[in-house]
């Protein structure tokens, strides 16, 4: 299993160049906060995500991709095509 510290780093790196803060509580529930460059507060928050299935790079990449799509759907990214292709 991937450590919480490593999992947080991988997920936060997946959203670069945007600021992302990922936290995992002792029960394994994860919160991911994404920030728009112009704002000082979280523009998108995904809470209560379970980490038990995030045991492979493919599963982590799939979660990051889903969160990116939701972020774009909410209209928080100016150039979604370029941003989604990075991930």
PDB file of N, CA and C in Angstrom:
ATOM      1  N   UNK A   1       0.839  -1.185   0.000  1.00  0.00           N
ATOM      2  CA  UNK A   1       0.000   0.000   0.000  1.00  0.00           C
ATOM      3  C   UNK A   1       0.885   1.250   0.000  1.00  0.00           C
ATOM      4  N   UNK A   2       0.406   2.280  -0.631  1.00  0.00           N
ATOM      5  CA  UNK A   2       1.121   3.551  -0.717  1.00  0.00           C
ATOM      6  C   UNK A   2       0.869   4.327   0.570  1.00  0.00           C
ATOM      7  N   UNK A   3       1.915   4.941   1.111  1.00  0.00           N
ATOM      8  CA  UNK A   3       1.748   5.726   2.337  1.00  0.00           C
ATOM      9  C   UNK A   3       0.894   6.957   2.054  1.00  0.00           C
ATOM     10  N   UNK A   4       0.280   7.472   3.103  1.00  0.00           N
ATOM     11  CA  UNK A   4      -0.553   8.674   2.961  1.00  0.00           C
ATOM     12  C   UNK A   4       0.257   9.852   2.450  1.00  0.00           C
ATOM     13  N   UNK A   5       1.483   9.987   2.930  1.00  0.00           N
ATOM     14  CA  UNK A   5       2.345  11.088   2.502  1.00  0.00           C
ATOM     15  C   UNK A   5       2.638  11.001   1.007  1.00  0.00           C
ATOM     16  N   UNK A   6       2.972   9.810   0.540  1.00  0.00           N
ATOM     17  CA  UNK A   6       3.262   9.626  -0.879  1.00  0.00           C
ATOM     18  C   UNK A   6       2.007   9.828  -1.735  1.00  0.00           C
ATOM     19  N   UNK A   7       0.875   9.317  -1.273  1.00  0.00           N
ATOM     20  CA  UNK A   7      -0.381   9.476  -2.004  1.00  0.00           C
ATOM     21  C   UNK A   7      -0.744  10.954  -2.126  1.00  0.00           C
ATOM     22  N   UNK A   8      -0.609  11.690  -1.048  1.00  0.00           N
ATOM     23  CA  UNK A   8      -0.895  13.132  -1.090  1.00  0.00           C
ATOM     24  C   UNK A   8       0.006  13.829  -2.104  1.00  0.00           C
ATOM     25  N   UNK A   9       1.290  13.497  -2.088  1.00  0.00           N
ATOM     26  CA  UNK A   9       2.243  14.130  -3.011  1.00  0.00           C
ATOM     27  C   UNK A   9       1.879  13.827  -4.472  1.00  0.00           C
ATOM     28  N   UNK A  10       1.545  12.586  -4.760  1.00  0.00           N
ATOM     29  CA  UNK A  10       1.198  12.201  -6.135  1.00  0.00           C
ATOM     30  C   UNK A  10      -0.036  12.962  -6.599  1.00  0.00           C
ATOM     31  N   UNK A  11      -1.056  13.014  -5.764  1.00  0.00           N
ATOM     32  CA  UNK A  11      -2.293  13.698  -6.149  1.00  0.00           C
ATOM     33  C   UNK A  11      -2.062  15.191  -6.308  1.00  0.00           C
ATOM     34  N   UNK A  12      -1.373  15.810  -5.367  1.00  0.00           N
ATOM     35  CA  UNK A  12      -1.100  17.250  -5.473  1.00  0.00           C
ATOM     36  C   UNK A  12      -0.285  17.566  -6.719  1.00  0.00           C
ATOM     37  N   UNK A  13       0.670  16.722  -7.065  1.00  0.00           N
ATOM     38  CA  UNK A  13       1.487  16.924  -8.267  1.00  0.00           C
ATOM     39  C   UNK A  13       0.659  16.790  -9.539  1.00  0.00           C
ATOM     40  N   UNK A  14      -0.384  15.983  -9.489  1.00  0.00           N
ATOM     41  CA  UNK A  14      -1.228  15.770 -10.660  1.00  0.00           C
ATOM     42  C   UNK A  14      -2.009  16.995 -11.091  1.00  0.00           C
ATOM     43  N   UNK A  15      -2.101  17.999 -10.230  1.00  0.00           N
ATOM     44  CA  UNK A  15      -2.871  19.200 -10.555  1.00  0.00           C
ATOM     45  C   UNK A  15      -1.995  20.407 -10.882  1.00  0.00           C
ATOM     46  N   UNK A  16      -0.685  20.218 -10.892  1.00  0.00           N
ATOM     47  CA  UNK A  16       0.199  21.331 -11.253  1.00  0.00           C
ATOM     48  C   UNK A  16      -0.144  21.843 -12.639  1.00  0.00           C
ATOM     49  N   UNK A  17      -0.118  23.116 -12.911  1.00  0.00           N
ATOM     50  CA  UNK A  17       0.453  24.192 -12.112  1.00  0.00           C
ATOM     51  C   UNK A  17      -0.515  24.794 -11.091  1.00  0.00           C
ATOM     52  N   UNK A  18      -1.731  24.264 -10.981  1.00  0.00           N
ATOM     53  CA  UNK A  18      -2.647  24.779  -9.978  1.00  0.00           C
ATOM     54  C   UNK A  18      -2.230  24.324  -8.589  1.00  0.00           C
ATOM     55  N   UNK A  19      -2.602  25.111  -7.608  1.00  0.00           N
ATOM     56  CA  UNK A  19      -2.339  24.743  -6.219  1.00  0.00           C
ATOM     57  C   UNK A  19      -3.381  23.718  -5.784  1.00  0.00           C
ATOM     58  N   UNK A  20      -2.916  22.654  -5.187  1.00  0.00           N
ATOM     59  CA  UNK A  20      -3.785  21.592  -4.696  1.00  0.00           C
ATOM     60  C   UNK A  20      -3.293  21.187  -3.315  1.00  0.00           C
ATOM     61  N   UNK A  21      -4.231  21.074  -2.379  1.00  0.00           N
ATOM     62  CA  UNK A  21      -3.894  20.578  -1.051  1.00  0.00           C
ATOM     63  C   UNK A  21      -4.759  19.356  -0.786  1.00  0.00           C
ATOM     64  N   UNK A  22      -4.093  18.268  -0.492  1.00  0.00           N
ATOM     65  CA  UNK A  22      -4.750  16.993  -0.250  1.00  0.00           C
ATOM     66  C   UNK A  22      -4.504  16.608   1.211  1.00  0.00           C
ATOM     67  N   UNK A  23      -5.563  16.205   1.895  1.00  0.00           N
ATOM     68  CA  UNK A  23      -5.395  15.736   3.273  1.00  0.00           C
ATOM     69  C   UNK A  23      -6.114  14.400   3.428  1.00  0.00           C
ATOM     70  N   UNK A  24      -5.561  13.561   4.297  1.00  0.00           N
ATOM     71  CA  UNK A  24      -6.132  12.240   4.538  1.00  0.00           C
ATOM     72  C   UNK A  24      -6.263  12.074   6.041  1.00  0.00           C
ATOM     73  N   UNK A  25      -7.489  11.773   6.502  1.00  0.00           N
ATOM     74  CA  UNK A  25      -7.697  11.601   7.941  1.00  0.00           C
ATOM     75  C   UNK A  25      -7.307  10.183   8.372  1.00  0.00           C
ATOM     76  N   UNK A  26      -7.251   9.922   9.662  1.00  0.00           N
ATOM     77  CA  UNK A  26      -6.834   8.604  10.152  1.00  0.00           C
ATOM     78  C   UNK A  26      -7.704   7.436   9.666  1.00  0.00           C
ATOM     79  N   UNK A  27      -8.949   7.711   9.313  1.00  0.00           N
ATOM     80  CA  UNK A  27      -9.832   6.662   8.805  1.00  0.00           C
ATOM     81  C   UNK A  27      -9.655   6.409   7.306  1.00  0.00           C
ATOM     82  N   UNK A  28      -8.776   7.170   6.659  1.00  0.00           N
ATOM     83  CA  UNK A  28      -8.511   6.982   5.240  1.00  0.00           C
ATOM     84  C   UNK A  28      -9.412   7.774   4.315  1.00  0.00           C
ATOM     85  N   UNK A  29     -10.140   8.742   4.848  1.00  0.00           N
ATOM     86  CA  UNK A  29     -10.968   9.607   3.999  1.00  0.00           C
ATOM     87  C   UNK A  29     -10.125  10.802   3.556  1.00  0.00           C
ATOM     88  N   UNK A  30     -10.232  11.114   2.287  1.00  0.00           N
ATOM     89  CA  UNK A  30      -9.386  12.145   1.703  1.00  0.00           C
ATOM     90  C   UNK A  30     -10.209  13.358   1.296  1.00  0.00           C
ATOM     91  N   UNK A  31      -9.607  14.539   1.454  1.00  0.00           N
ATOM     92  CA  UNK A  31     -10.172  15.793   0.982  1.00  0.00           C
ATOM     93  C   UNK A  31      -9.161  16.412   0.026  1.00  0.00           C
ATOM     94  N   UNK A  32      -9.643  16.837  -1.141  1.00  0.00           N
ATOM     95  CA  UNK A  32      -8.788  17.476  -2.135  1.00  0.00           C
ATOM     96  C   UNK A  32      -9.334  18.877  -2.382  1.00  0.00           C
ATOM     97  N   UNK A  33      -8.503  19.885  -2.168  1.00  0.00           N
ATOM     98  CA  UNK A  33      -8.877  21.279  -2.385  1.00  0.00           C
ATOM     99  C   UNK A  33      -8.050  21.834  -3.538  1.00  0.00           C
ATOM    100  N   UNK A  34      -8.735  22.378  -4.540  1.00  0.00           N
ATOM    101  CA  UNK A  34      -8.061  22.988  -5.690  1.00  0.00           C
ATOM    102  C   UNK A  34      -8.300  24.489  -5.669  1.00  0.00           C
ATOM    103  N   UNK A  35      -7.257  25.228  -6.005  1.00  0.00           N
ATOM    104  CA  UNK A  35      -7.300  26.678  -5.957  1.00  0.00           C
ATOM    105  C   UNK A  35      -7.100  27.260  -7.345  1.00  0.00           C
ATOM    106  N   UNK A  36      -7.888  28.277  -7.670  1.00  0.00           N
ATOM    107  CA  UNK A  36      -7.669  29.017  -8.907  1.00  0.00           C
ATOM    108  C   UNK A  36      -6.498  29.969  -8.684  1.00  0.00           C
ATOM    109  N   UNK A  37      -5.714  30.231  -9.746  1.00  0.00           N
ATOM    110  CA  UNK A  37      -4.538  31.096  -9.577  1.00  0.00           C
ATOM    111  C   UNK A  37      -4.854  32.492  -9.033  1.00  0.00           C
ATOM    112  N   UNK A  38      -5.984  33.070  -9.407  1.00  0.00           N
ATOM    113  CA  UNK A  38      -6.306  34.438  -8.999  1.00  0.00           C
ATOM    114  C   UNK A  38      -6.940  34.519  -7.622  1.00  0.00           C
ATOM    115  N   UNK A  39      -7.379  33.415  -7.087  1.00  0.00           N
ATOM    116  CA  UNK A  39      -8.113  33.408  -5.823  1.00  0.00           C
ATOM    117  C   UNK A  39      -7.222  32.951  -4.683  1.00  0.00           C
ATOM    118  N   UNK A  40      -7.566  33.347  -3.485  1.00  0.00           N
ATOM    119  CA  UNK A  40      -6.813  32.926  -2.321  1.00  0.00           C
ATOM    120  C   UNK A  40      -7.485  31.801  -1.549  1.00  0.00           C
ATOM    121  N   UNK A  41      -8.662  31.395  -2.012  1.00  0.00           N
ATOM    122  CA  UNK A  41      -9.398  30.347  -1.305  1.00  0.00           C
ATOM    123  C   UNK A  41      -9.683  29.179  -2.249  1.00  0.00           C
ATOM    124  N   UNK A  42     -10.071  28.063  -1.679  1.00  0.00           N
ATOM    125  CA  UNK A  42     -10.350  26.875  -2.485  1.00  0.00           C
ATOM    126  C   UNK A  42     -11.546  27.138  -3.401  1.00  0.00           C
ATOM    127  N   UNK A  43     -11.377  26.826  -4.683  1.00  0.00           N
ATOM    128  CA  UNK A  43     -12.450  26.992  -5.653  1.00  0.00           C
ATOM    129  C   UNK A  43     -13.241  25.696  -5.813  1.00  0.00           C
ATOM    130  N   UNK A  44     -12.632  24.582  -5.467  1.00  0.00           N
ATOM    131  CA  UNK A  44     -13.270  23.274  -5.619  1.00  0.00           C
ATOM    132  C   UNK A  44     -12.787  22.366  -4.502  1.00  0.00           C
ATOM    133  N   UNK A  45     -13.719  21.745  -3.818  1.00  0.00           N
ATOM    134  CA  UNK A  45     -13.366  20.843  -2.729  1.00  0.00           C
ATOM    135  C   UNK A  45     -14.094  19.524  -2.925  1.00  0.00           C
ATOM    136  N   UNK A  46     -13.330  18.444  -2.912  1.00  0.00           N
ATOM    137  CA  UNK A  46     -13.901  17.097  -2.963  1.00  0.00           C
ATOM    138  C   UNK A  46     -13.605  16.452  -1.615  1.00  0.00           C
ATOM    139  N   UNK A  47     -14.652  16.083  -0.880  1.00  0.00           N
ATOM    140  CA  UNK A  47     -14.482  15.553   0.464  1.00  0.00           C
ATOM    141  C   UNK A  47     -14.976  14.118   0.570  1.00  0.00           C
ATOM    142  N   UNK A  48     -14.455  13.410   1.550  1.00  0.00           N
ATOM    143  CA  UNK A  48     -14.931  12.072   1.853  1.00  0.00           C
ATOM    144  C   UNK A  48     -14.534  11.006   0.850  1.00  0.00           C
ATOM    145  N   UNK A  49     -13.487  11.270   0.078  1.00  0.00           N
ATOM    146  CA  UNK A  49     -13.017  10.284  -0.897  1.00  0.00           C
ATOM    147  C   UNK A  49     -12.303   9.159  -0.166  1.00  0.00           C
ATOM    148  N   UNK A  50     -12.630   7.925  -0.496  1.00  0.00           N
ATOM    149  CA  UNK A  50     -11.965   6.804   0.166  1.00  0.00           C
ATOM    150  C   UNK A  50     -10.643   6.507  -0.531  1.00  0.00           C
ATOM    151  N   UNK A  51      -9.670   6.094   0.254  1.00  0.00           N
ATOM    152  CA  UNK A  51      -8.339   5.820  -0.289  1.00  0.00           C
ATOM    153  C   UNK A  51      -8.056   4.328  -0.420  1.00  0.00           C
ATOM    154  N   UNK A  52      -8.942   3.479   0.066  1.00  0.00           N
ATOM    155  CA  UNK A  52      -8.660   2.047   0.091  1.00  0.00           C
ATOM    156  C   UNK A  52      -8.451   1.446  -1.295  1.00  0.00           C
ATOM    157  N   UNK A  53      -9.071   2.020  -2.326  1.00  0.00           N
ATOM    158  CA  UNK A  53      -8.906   1.492  -3.686  1.00  0.00           C
ATOM    159  C   UNK A  53      -7.738   2.139  -4.437  1.00  0.00           C
ATOM    160  N   UNK A  54      -7.070   3.108  -3.839  1.00  0.00           N
ATOM    161  CA  UNK A  54      -5.965   3.812  -4.498  1.00  0.00           C
ATOM    162  C   UNK A  54      -4.650   3.084  -4.240  1.00  0.00           C
ATOM    163  N   UNK A  55      -4.547   1.886  -4.765  1.00  0.00           N
ATOM    164  CA  UNK A  55      -3.381   1.042  -4.512  1.00  0.00           C
ATOM    165  C   UNK A  55      -2.449   0.918  -5.711  1.00  0.00           C
ATOM    166  N   UNK A  56      -2.815   1.554  -6.826  1.00  0.00           N
ATOM    167  CA  UNK A  56      -1.966   1.493  -8.016  1.00  0.00           C
ATOM    168  C   UNK A  56      -1.909   2.868  -8.670  1.00  0.00           C
ATOM    169  N   UNK A  57      -0.893   3.053  -9.499  1.00  0.00           N
ATOM    170  CA  UNK A  57      -0.767   4.335 -10.203  1.00  0.00           C
ATOM    171  C   UNK A  57      -1.954   4.562 -11.132  1.00  0.00           C
ATOM    172  N   UNK A  58      -2.489   3.496 -11.689  1.00  0.00           N
ATOM    173  CA  UNK A  58      -3.650   3.615 -12.576  1.00  0.00           C
ATOM    174  C   UNK A  58      -4.875   4.118 -11.820  1.00  0.00           C
ATOM    175  N   UNK A  59      -5.106   3.610 -10.619  1.00  0.00           N
ATOM    176  CA  UNK A  59      -6.249   4.040  -9.814  1.00  0.00           C
ATOM    177  C   UNK A  59      -6.102   5.503  -9.389  1.00  0.00           C
ATOM    178  N   UNK A  60      -4.889   5.894  -9.037  1.00  0.00           N
ATOM    179  CA  UNK A  60      -4.641   7.288  -8.641  1.00  0.00           C
ATOM    180  C   UNK A  60      -4.834   8.208  -9.832  1.00  0.00           C
ATOM    181  N   UNK A  61      -4.311   7.824 -10.987  1.00  0.00           N
ATOM    182  CA  UNK A  61      -4.467   8.635 -12.200  1.00  0.00           C
ATOM    183  C   UNK A  61      -5.933   8.771 -12.576  1.00  0.00           C
ATOM    184  N   UNK A  62      -6.704   7.710 -12.407  1.00  0.00           N
ATOM    185  CA  UNK A  62      -8.133   7.754 -12.720  1.00  0.00           C
ATOM    186  C   UNK A  62      -8.849   8.747 -11.806  1.00  0.00           C
ATOM    187  N   UNK A  63      -8.507   8.742 -10.526  1.00  0.00           N
ATOM    188  CA  UNK A  63      -9.124   9.692  -9.594  1.00  0.00           C
ATOM    189  C   UNK A  63      -8.757  11.123  -9.962  1.00  0.00           C
ATOM    190  N   UNK A  64      -7.484  11.380 -10.234  1.00  0.00           N
ATOM    191  CA  UNK A  64      -7.056  12.726 -10.627  1.00  0.00           C
ATOM    192  C   UNK A  64      -7.795  13.158 -11.893  1.00  0.00           C
ATOM    193  N   UNK A  65      -7.924  12.260 -12.861  1.00  0.00           N
ATOM    194  CA  UNK A  65      -8.647  12.579 -14.097  1.00  0.00           C
ATOM    195  C   UNK A  65     -10.099  12.924 -13.838  1.00  0.00           C
ATOM    196  N   UNK A  66     -10.758  12.170 -12.972  1.00  0.00           N
ATOM    197  CA  UNK A  66     -12.162  12.456 -12.630  1.00  0.00           C
ATOM    198  C   UNK A  66     -12.296  13.812 -11.959  1.00  0.00           C
ATOM    199  N   UNK A  67     -11.394  14.113 -11.041  1.00  0.00           N
ATOM    200  CA  UNK A  67     -11.458  15.402 -10.356  1.00  0.00           C
ATOM    201  C   UNK A  67     -11.175  16.555 -11.315  1.00  0.00           C
ATOM    202  N   UNK A  68     -10.245  16.367 -12.237  1.00  0.00           N
ATOM    203  CA  UNK A  68      -9.963  17.403 -13.241  1.00  0.00           C
ATOM    204  C   UNK A  68     -11.191  17.665 -14.106  1.00  0.00           C
ATOM    205  N   UNK A  69     -11.860  16.595 -14.532  1.00  0.00           N
ATOM    206  CA  UNK A  69     -13.053  16.763 -15.352  1.00  0.00           C
ATOM    207  C   UNK A  69     -14.141  17.513 -14.595  1.00  0.00           C
ATOM    208  N   UNK A  70     -14.320  17.201 -13.334  1.00  0.00           N
ATOM    209  CA  UNK A  70     -15.321  17.898 -12.525  1.00  0.00           C
ATOM    210  C   UNK A  70     -14.948  19.370 -12.356  1.00  0.00           C
ATOM    211  N   UNK A  71     -13.674  19.651 -12.148  1.00  0.00           N
ATOM    212  CA  UNK A  71     -13.185  21.016 -12.011  1.00  0.00           C
ATOM    213  C   UNK A  71     -13.468  21.810 -13.281  1.00  0.00           C
ATOM    214  N   UNK A  72     -13.235  21.199 -14.435  1.00  0.00           N
ATOM    215  CA  UNK A  72     -13.496  21.843 -15.723  1.00  0.00           C
ATOM    216  C   UNK A  72     -15.000  22.034 -15.920  1.00  0.00           C
ATOM    217  N   UNK A  73     -15.784  21.009 -15.582  1.00  0.00           N
ATOM    218  CA  UNK A  73     -17.247  21.110 -15.726  1.00  0.00           C
ATOM    219  C   UNK A  73     -17.810  22.275 -14.933  1.00  0.00           C
ATOM    220  N   UNK A  74     -17.214  22.555 -13.807  1.00  0.00           N
ATOM    221  CA  UNK A  74     -17.675  23.663 -12.961  1.00  0.00           C
ATOM    222  C   UNK A  74     -17.192  25.014 -13.496  1.00  0.00           C
ATOM    223  N   UNK A  75     -16.346  25.007 -14.541  1.00  0.00           N
ATOM    224  CA  UNK A  75     -15.908  26.241 -15.181  1.00  0.00           C
ATOM    225  C   UNK A  75     -14.759  26.952 -14.491  1.00  0.00           C
ATOM    226  N   UNK A  76     -13.930  26.228 -13.756  1.00  0.00           N
ATOM    227  CA  UNK A  76     -12.858  26.864 -13.010  1.00  0.00           C
ATOM    228  C   UNK A  76     -11.543  26.977 -13.774  1.00  0.00           C
ATOM    229  N   UNK A  77     -11.445  26.389 -14.966  1.00  0.00           N
ATOM    230  CA  UNK A  77     -10.200  26.410 -15.725  1.00  0.00           C
ATOM    231  C   UNK A  77     -10.439  27.149 -17.036  1.00  0.00           C
ATOM    232  N   UNK A  78      -9.569  28.127 -17.320  1.00  0.00           N
ATOM    233  CA  UNK A  78      -9.748  28.955 -18.510  1.00  0.00           C
ATOM    234  C   UNK A  78      -9.524  28.170 -19.800  1.00  0.00           C
ATOM    235  N   UNK A  79      -8.503  27.321 -19.844  1.00  0.00           N
ATOM    236  CA  UNK A  79      -8.185  26.543 -21.037  1.00  0.00           C
ATOM    237  C   UNK A  79      -8.219  25.055 -20.696  1.00  0.00           C
ATOM    238  N   UNK A  80      -9.418  24.482 -20.605  1.00  0.00           N
ATOM    239  CA  UNK A  80      -9.526  23.102 -20.133  1.00  0.00           C
ATOM    240  C   UNK A  80      -8.845  22.073 -21.008  1.00  0.00           C
ATOM    241  N   UNK A  81      -8.820  22.242 -22.319  1.00  0.00           N
ATOM    242  CA  UNK A  81      -8.229  21.226 -23.199  1.00  0.00           C
ATOM    243  C   UNK A  81      -6.742  21.055 -22.890  1.00  0.00           C
ATOM    244  N   UNK A  82      -6.034  22.138 -22.776  1.00  0.00           N
ATOM    245  CA  UNK A  82      -4.605  22.074 -22.495  1.00  0.00           C
ATOM    246  C   UNK A  82      -4.349  21.475 -21.106  1.00  0.00           C
ATOM    247  N   UNK A  83      -5.156  21.853 -20.142  1.00  0.00           N
ATOM    248  CA  UNK A  83      -4.974  21.380 -18.773  1.00  0.00           C
ATOM    249  C   UNK A  83      -5.278  19.900 -18.653  1.00  0.00           C
ATOM    250  N   UNK A  84      -6.341  19.447 -19.296  1.00  0.00           N
ATOM    251  CA  UNK A  84      -6.710  18.031 -19.226  1.00  0.00           C
ATOM    252  C   UNK A  84      -5.691  17.148 -19.930  1.00  0.00           C
ATOM    253  N   UNK A  85      -5.053  17.631 -20.967  1.00  0.00           N
ATOM    254  CA  UNK A  85      -4.074  16.833 -21.680  1.00  0.00           C
ATOM    255  C   UNK A  85      -2.821  16.573 -20.849  1.00  0.00           C
ATOM    256  N   UNK A  86      -2.549  17.428 -19.879  1.00  0.00           N
ATOM    257  CA  UNK A  86      -1.360  17.249 -19.033  1.00  0.00           C
ATOM    258  C   UNK A  86      -1.477  16.004 -18.171  1.00  0.00           C
ATOM    259  N   UNK A  87      -2.708  15.672 -17.754  1.00  0.00           N
ATOM    260  CA  UNK A  87      -2.894  14.736 -16.698  1.00  0.00           C
ATOM    261  C   UNK A  87      -2.969  13.321 -16.975  1.00  0.00           C
TER     262      UNK A  87
END
